[in-house]
Every structure is written in C-alpha cells, then in structure tokens.
Amino acid sequence: MTSTATDVALALRDVRKKFGKRHALTGCTADVATGSITALIGANGAGKTTLMSMVAGLLRPDSGTISVLGQAPRYDHILDGVSYLAQHKPLYPSLSVAEMLDFGADTNPDWDADYAREIATSTGIGLRARVKHLSPGQRTIVAVALVLGRRPDLLMLDEPMADLDPLARRTVAQILMADVAERGTTLLLSSHVLSEVADLADAMILLGNGQVRLEGPIDEVLSQHFVLTGAGTRSEAQNFGVIVEERGTRGMHSYLICGHAPSSSERWNVGAATLDDVVIGYLRAEEVAP
C-alpha cells in the first residue's frame, strides 16, 4: 500500500515487541488513514493494547518504526494531537465530574473546556456527581469527554464499550461519530463486539499471532471474500480462490474464500461474506494453524 504523510495518521512498519519469552507483536505493518474510523480487531492476547500503548509512547517497540501524525512517539509525554483512553478508563473515584474536567484543563495546555463540559453533561450527568457514584456508561462518557477535550487529531480507544449496556453504547458511539464528522478526527478503537465495529468503523485492522492478517476499508475487505457452500470437494473449491476457513457436516461443506466470487455455479451456492464471516473465519484459521 503506497500512502503519503498527509493521508496517513498512523503508520506501523515491521513493529515487534516481546515480553520475556512471549512475543506480543512479531512484525506488525499497517496504516490508519486520516479521518477514518478504524477498528483494531483480534482475539485476547493478539497485541491490540500493546500496539496502542506503543503509539501513545507508554511502551517502546523492540524494533520497527512507528509514525504518528508524521512524528515518532515520545516517551516522556504523549504527542500533541494524540489522545489515548485505556480499557480500564482511569478516573479518580473521589473526584467530582467538575474536578475531573479541571484536572484535564490543568494537565493539557490546549484544553477545550467548553467542549469537554458539553460532552460530559450531554446525557444529564451533574458536574457535582462523584465519579465513584456514576454508572459504567456515565464513567465512559466522562472519560471520553476528557480525551476529546484535548481536541486530538488521532484518538485511540481500547475497548471503550466493553462494559456498557446497549443504550450507553449507542450514546458513546454518537458522541464519537459526531466528533469525527465535525472535526475530521482519526479514530482507532479496539473492540471484541463485531456489531459495534460494523456500526462504527469504516476500516479495519485484524491482528493474529502478532501480525496484521487483514487491513483496509471494510467494504473492500468484504468484497474480496465470499462464502461457497455445496457438496463439492476442497480441491474444487480452491479453483475459486484461497480457502480461509472450511466447515462441513453430512457431506455439505462451507468455505470462506478470498478471491473473486463467480456470478453463479451449478455445483455451489455462492453467498456474500459478512464481517462476522471474515473475522471469525480468520481467527479460527489462526487457532488451527500449525
């Protein structure tokens, strides 16, 4: 993939990271397009949090290069123009919402107090409310207000909606999509919830065994895959492209194929691949790979 600095907010090239004997990333190469909402997808332990932590400057890669908004990460402070919200959503439980916003103003020179307050109170959360008394959804909204108060060009969210009910999830998604639409913010979010990815993201990076297995606009990724179902043999299915995953019961076989789908076939049913088909297919392929 050939890209210029202006259309890529984040570029990773052969990034590697090991913790003791465990390899977290074994050669990760990917681009995140400027202004995109990119989903970082992978099983537990795939390296999603490690990747985001390196981009934020919290970890150093063992090798490879990372370019964030045209710069290398800093390891003494997070780069200007970048915000990162960790999965545990670090907030001070004893502080009020107003005090958390004041903390954001004190620690960020380009803080937009009005914007942060608008987001934090958008669902009726009181400024005097203590963080420890907020629901998980309310805490997430306050945390998102803090990272957006920096007015970032690149916003990274690690499993932002993992503990939210459907209503809170929709509220947070609307806040994020409004910011992307109005400001052109680049959003990179990790998620295990594929329906959430389908609703929010327009691009994806699929991690497996420490490497990027798929990346690109979701529509393009889906157009490159299809599902083949029938009683034919595996060798016959291979004529249509690369088999990603195979399933079969009682003489019927189903294959997830990477290739160009035929318009019709006498021996096979040809169906469009969904995001679930593609992601689960590649993750299962990782599990059974030698």
Protein backbone atom coordinates (compact mmCIF):
# COMPACT_ATOMS: atom_id res chain seq x y z
CA MET A 1 0.00 0.00 0.00
CA THR A 2 1.53 3.33 -1.05
CA SER A 3 0.46 6.35 1.01
CA THR A 4 1.57 9.90 1.64
CA ALA A 5 2.12 11.57 5.00
CA THR A 6 -0.99 13.69 4.58
CA ASP A 7 -3.43 10.79 4.15
CA VAL A 8 -1.99 8.53 6.87
CA ALA A 9 -2.41 9.43 10.52
CA LEU A 10 -0.59 6.35 11.81
CA ALA A 11 1.97 4.15 10.04
CA LEU A 12 3.46 0.97 11.51
CA ARG A 13 6.35 -0.81 9.82
CA ASP A 14 7.55 -4.23 10.99
CA VAL A 15 6.88 -3.37 14.63
CA ARG A 16 7.96 -6.04 17.11
CA LYS A 17 7.54 -6.35 20.88
CA LYS A 18 8.36 -9.17 23.26
CA PHE A 19 7.64 -9.54 26.97
CA GLY A 20 10.08 -12.06 28.36
CA LYS A 21 9.70 -15.10 26.11
CA ARG A 22 6.24 -14.10 24.88
CA HIS A 23 6.04 -12.38 21.51
CA ALA A 24 3.23 -9.79 21.54
CA LEU A 25 3.89 -8.36 18.07
CA THR A 26 6.05 -10.22 15.56
CA GLY A 27 6.23 -7.83 12.63
CA CYS A 28 3.20 -5.57 12.55
CA THR A 29 2.78 -3.39 9.44
CA ALA A 30 -0.34 -1.28 8.87
CA ASP A 31 -1.64 2.19 8.00
CA VAL A 32 -4.52 4.12 9.58
CA ALA A 33 -5.96 6.62 7.12
CA THR A 34 -6.50 10.21 8.22
CA GLY A 35 -10.14 10.86 9.10
CA SER A 36 -11.05 7.18 9.23
CA ILE A 37 -12.73 5.19 11.98
CA THR A 38 -10.55 2.12 12.09
CA ALA A 39 -11.38 -0.94 14.17
CA LEU A 40 -8.47 -2.88 15.67
CA ILE A 41 -9.76 -6.45 15.92
CA GLY A 42 -8.23 -9.60 17.37
CA ALA A 43 -8.59 -12.29 19.99
CA ASN A 44 -7.44 -11.72 23.57
CA GLY A 45 -3.66 -11.51 23.59
CA ALA A 46 -3.46 -10.58 19.90
CA GLY A 47 -1.46 -7.44 20.73
CA LYS A 48 -4.10 -4.71 20.43
CA THR A 49 -3.35 -3.00 23.76
CA THR A 50 0.40 -3.39 23.20
CA LEU A 51 0.13 -1.69 19.82
CA MET A 52 -1.88 1.25 21.18
CA SER A 53 0.44 1.64 24.17
CA MET A 54 3.44 1.93 21.83
CA VAL A 55 1.70 4.52 19.67
CA ALA A 56 0.90 6.51 22.84
CA GLY A 57 4.53 6.31 23.97
CA LEU A 58 3.83 4.14 27.02
CA LEU A 59 5.91 1.26 25.62
CA ARG A 60 8.92 1.16 23.32
CA PRO A 61 8.97 -1.27 20.39
CA ASP A 62 11.87 -3.71 20.28
CA SER A 63 12.28 -2.95 16.59
CA GLY A 64 10.43 -1.40 13.66
CA THR A 65 9.15 2.13 13.17
CA ILE A 66 6.03 4.00 14.22
CA SER A 67 4.95 7.31 12.69
CA VAL A 68 2.16 9.20 14.49
CA LEU A 69 0.89 12.31 12.70
CA GLY A 70 4.25 12.39 10.92
CA GLN A 71 6.32 12.07 14.12
CA ALA A 72 7.90 9.30 16.16
CA PRO A 73 6.19 8.66 19.53
CA ARG A 74 7.54 10.48 22.57
CA TYR A 75 8.31 8.52 25.71
CA ASP A 76 8.28 11.41 28.18
CA HIS A 77 4.77 12.57 27.28
CA ILE A 78 2.04 11.79 24.77
CA LEU A 79 2.35 13.67 21.49
CA ASP A 80 0.31 16.81 20.94
CA GLY A 81 -2.67 15.93 18.78
CA VAL A 82 -2.98 12.41 20.22
CA SER A 83 -5.37 11.11 22.91
CA TYR A 84 -5.48 7.60 24.33
CA LEU A 85 -8.12 6.05 26.56
CA ALA A 86 -7.06 2.77 28.16
CA GLN A 87 -9.54 -0.05 28.68
CA HIS A 88 -9.80 0.50 32.44
CA LYS A 89 -10.77 4.16 31.84
CA PRO A 90 -8.56 5.75 34.53
CA LEU A 91 -10.57 8.27 36.55
CA TYR A 92 -10.20 9.38 40.16
CA PRO A 93 -13.20 7.90 42.03
CA SER A 94 -13.23 10.51 44.81
CA LEU A 95 -13.31 13.49 42.44
CA SER A 96 -16.44 15.10 41.06
CA VAL A 97 -17.07 15.40 37.34
CA ALA A 98 -16.20 19.12 37.55
CA GLU A 99 -12.94 18.32 39.33
CA MET A 100 -12.04 15.75 36.67
CA LEU A 101 -12.61 18.39 33.99
CA ASP A 102 -10.47 20.85 35.96
CA PHE A 103 -7.76 18.20 36.12
CA GLY A 104 -7.95 17.88 32.33
CA ALA A 105 -7.58 21.65 31.96
CA ASP A 106 -4.58 21.72 34.34
CA THR A 107 -2.71 18.97 32.51
CA ASN A 108 -3.45 19.89 28.87
CA PRO A 109 -2.28 23.25 27.51
CA ASP A 110 -4.67 23.21 24.52
CA TRP A 111 -7.70 22.14 26.55
CA ASP A 112 -11.15 23.00 25.20
CA ALA A 113 -13.10 23.41 28.44
CA ASP A 114 -16.45 24.19 26.79
CA TYR A 115 -16.28 21.15 24.50
CA ALA A 116 -15.30 18.78 27.33
CA ARG A 117 -18.07 20.10 29.59
CA GLU A 118 -20.63 19.83 26.78
CA ILE A 119 -19.80 16.14 26.26
CA ALA A 120 -19.60 15.28 29.97
CA THR A 121 -23.04 16.76 30.69
CA SER A 122 -24.71 15.78 27.40
CA THR A 123 -26.74 12.97 29.00
CA GLY A 124 -27.68 14.80 32.17
CA ILE A 125 -24.65 13.92 34.29
CA GLY A 126 -24.28 16.51 37.04
CA LEU A 127 -20.96 18.30 37.42
CA ARG A 128 -21.09 17.76 41.19
CA ALA A 129 -21.56 14.00 40.88
CA ARG A 130 -18.68 11.90 42.22
CA VAL A 131 -17.05 9.52 39.77
CA LYS A 132 -17.49 6.61 42.18
CA HIS A 133 -21.28 7.11 42.06
CA LEU A 134 -21.53 7.06 38.26
CA SER A 135 -22.73 4.09 36.23
CA PRO A 136 -20.25 2.39 33.85
CA GLY A 137 -21.85 4.22 30.93
CA GLN A 138 -21.60 7.58 32.68
CA ARG A 139 -17.95 6.96 33.59
CA THR A 140 -17.22 6.17 29.96
CA ILE A 141 -18.87 9.41 28.82
CA VAL A 142 -16.77 11.42 31.30
CA ALA A 143 -13.61 9.60 30.17
CA VAL A 144 -14.44 10.31 26.52
CA ALA A 145 -15.02 13.97 27.42
CA LEU A 146 -11.51 14.08 28.90
CA VAL A 147 -9.77 12.59 25.86
CA LEU A 148 -11.79 14.72 23.42
CA GLY A 149 -11.13 17.85 25.48
CA ARG A 150 -7.57 17.67 24.14
CA ARG A 151 -9.07 18.19 20.65
CA PRO A 152 -6.96 15.35 19.25
CA ASP A 153 -6.24 14.65 15.62
CA LEU A 154 -5.79 10.96 16.49
CA LEU A 155 -7.96 9.38 19.18
CA MET A 156 -7.25 5.82 20.36
CA LEU A 157 -9.79 3.93 22.46
CA ASP A 158 -9.08 0.48 23.90
CA GLU A 159 -12.34 -1.50 24.23
CA PRO A 160 -14.31 1.67 25.03
CA MET A 161 -17.73 -0.01 25.16
CA ALA A 162 -16.89 -3.39 26.66
CA ASP A 163 -18.92 -2.86 29.86
CA LEU A 164 -21.76 -0.74 28.51
CA ASP A 165 -25.43 -1.53 28.08
CA PRO A 166 -26.92 -1.03 24.58
CA LEU A 167 -28.27 2.47 25.33
CA ALA A 168 -24.97 3.73 26.76
CA ARG A 169 -23.10 2.13 23.86
CA ARG A 170 -25.25 4.00 21.36
CA THR A 171 -24.78 7.28 23.23
CA VAL A 172 -21.00 6.96 23.26
CA ALA A 173 -20.98 5.94 19.60
CA GLN A 174 -22.99 9.03 18.66
CA ILE A 175 -20.55 11.29 20.54
CA LEU A 176 -17.59 9.75 18.75
CA MET A 177 -19.17 9.83 15.30
CA ALA A 178 -20.19 13.47 15.75
CA ASP A 179 -16.60 14.40 16.59
CA VAL A 180 -15.25 12.54 13.55
CA ALA A 181 -17.85 14.16 11.29
CA GLU A 182 -17.35 17.70 12.61
CA ARG A 183 -13.59 17.76 13.16
CA GLY A 184 -12.24 15.02 10.92
CA THR A 185 -10.70 13.26 13.91
CA THR A 186 -8.99 9.95 13.12
CA LEU A 187 -10.37 7.26 15.43
CA LEU A 188 -8.65 3.95 16.19
CA LEU A 189 -10.63 1.69 18.51
CA SER A 190 -10.14 -1.88 19.58
CA SER A 191 -13.23 -4.00 20.06
CA HIS A 192 -14.46 -7.56 20.54
CA VAL A 193 -18.03 -6.62 19.59
CA LEU A 194 -18.35 -7.09 15.84
CA SER A 195 -21.79 -5.45 15.65
CA GLU A 196 -20.23 -2.38 17.25
CA VAL A 197 -17.45 -2.42 14.64
CA ALA A 198 -19.95 -2.77 11.79
CA ASP A 199 -21.95 0.23 13.07
CA LEU A 200 -18.98 2.50 13.76
CA ALA A 201 -15.95 1.67 11.66
CA ASP A 202 -15.24 2.18 8.00
CA ALA A 203 -11.85 0.42 8.07
CA MET A 204 -10.30 -2.49 9.96
CA ILE A 205 -7.01 -3.99 11.07
CA LEU A 206 -7.20 -7.67 12.05
CA LEU A 207 -4.39 -8.88 14.30
CA GLY A 208 -3.48 -12.54 14.66
CA ASN A 209 -0.37 -14.11 16.17
CA GLY A 210 1.21 -10.69 16.50
CA GLN A 211 0.84 -9.78 12.84
CA VAL A 212 -1.66 -7.97 10.64
CA ARG A 213 -3.77 -10.55 8.83
CA LEU A 214 -6.15 -8.14 7.10
CA GLU A 215 -6.38 -4.38 6.78
CA GLY A 216 -8.23 -1.82 4.73
CA PRO A 217 -11.69 -0.33 4.21
CA ILE A 218 -14.30 -2.78 5.45
CA ASP A 219 -16.30 -2.62 2.22
CA GLU A 220 -13.19 -3.57 0.22
CA VAL A 221 -12.28 -6.40 2.60
CA LEU A 222 -15.80 -7.85 2.34
CA SER A 223 -15.81 -7.54 -1.44
CA GLN A 224 -12.67 -9.72 -1.57
CA HIS A 225 -14.33 -12.61 0.30
CA PHE A 226 -17.34 -14.82 -0.28
CA VAL A 227 -18.88 -18.00 1.12
CA LEU A 228 -19.08 -21.15 -1.01
CA THR A 229 -21.47 -23.89 0.11
CA GLY A 230 -22.10 -27.27 -1.50
CA ALA A 231 -21.17 -30.94 -1.79
CA GLY A 232 -18.08 -30.38 -3.93
CA THR A 233 -14.53 -31.22 -2.90
CA ARG A 234 -11.93 -28.95 -1.34
CA SER A 235 -9.83 -29.07 -4.49
CA GLU A 236 -12.83 -27.86 -6.49
CA ALA A 237 -13.37 -25.01 -4.03
CA GLN A 238 -9.74 -23.99 -4.40
CA ASN A 239 -10.40 -23.18 -8.04
CA PHE A 240 -12.31 -20.09 -6.86
CA GLY A 241 -9.53 -18.62 -4.68
CA VAL A 242 -7.71 -19.09 -1.37
CA ILE A 243 -9.59 -21.04 1.28
CA VAL A 244 -9.51 -19.16 4.58
CA GLU A 245 -11.77 -21.49 6.57
CA GLU A 246 -13.58 -24.75 5.93
CA ARG A 247 -16.60 -26.18 7.72
CA GLY A 248 -18.56 -29.27 6.85
CA THR A 249 -21.36 -31.53 8.04
CA ARG A 250 -23.05 -34.56 6.42
CA GLY A 251 -21.44 -34.20 3.04
CA MET A 252 -22.08 -30.44 2.79
CA HIS A 253 -19.12 -28.10 3.00
CA SER A 254 -18.89 -24.37 3.54
CA TYR A 255 -15.76 -22.41 2.62
CA LEU A 256 -14.77 -18.83 3.28
CA ILE A 257 -12.88 -17.88 0.13
CA CYS A 258 -10.60 -14.94 -0.57
CA GLY A 259 -10.98 -14.25 -4.26
CA HIS A 260 -13.45 -13.09 -6.86
CA ALA A 261 -16.88 -14.63 -6.41
CA PRO A 262 -18.38 -16.27 -9.51
CA SER A 263 -21.72 -14.90 -10.65
CA SER A 264 -23.19 -18.41 -10.50
CA SER A 265 -22.17 -22.03 -10.17
CA GLU A 266 -24.00 -25.29 -10.92
CA ARG A 267 -22.44 -27.20 -8.00
CA TRP A 268 -22.16 -24.44 -5.40
CA ASN A 269 -24.22 -21.82 -3.66
CA VAL A 270 -22.32 -18.54 -3.67
CA GLY A 271 -23.07 -16.05 -0.88
CA ALA A 272 -21.70 -12.69 0.21
CA ALA A 273 -19.41 -12.77 3.24
CA THR A 274 -20.40 -10.77 6.31
CA LEU A 275 -17.96 -9.09 8.67
CA ASP A 276 -18.66 -11.90 11.16
CA ASP A 277 -17.81 -14.49 8.50
CA VAL A 278 -14.48 -12.84 7.68
CA VAL A 279 -13.29 -12.01 11.20
CA ILE A 280 -14.34 -15.31 12.77
CA GLY A 281 -13.01 -17.23 9.78
CA TYR A 282 -9.55 -15.70 10.07
CA LEU A 283 -9.50 -16.07 13.87
CA ARG A 284 -10.46 -19.76 13.61
CA ALA A 285 -7.82 -20.23 10.95
CA GLU A 286 -5.27 -18.84 13.42
CA GLU A 287 -6.39 -21.35 16.05
CA VAL A 288 -5.94 -24.39 13.81
CA ALA A 289 -2.80 -23.16 12.03
CA PRO A 290 0.26 -25.37 12.68
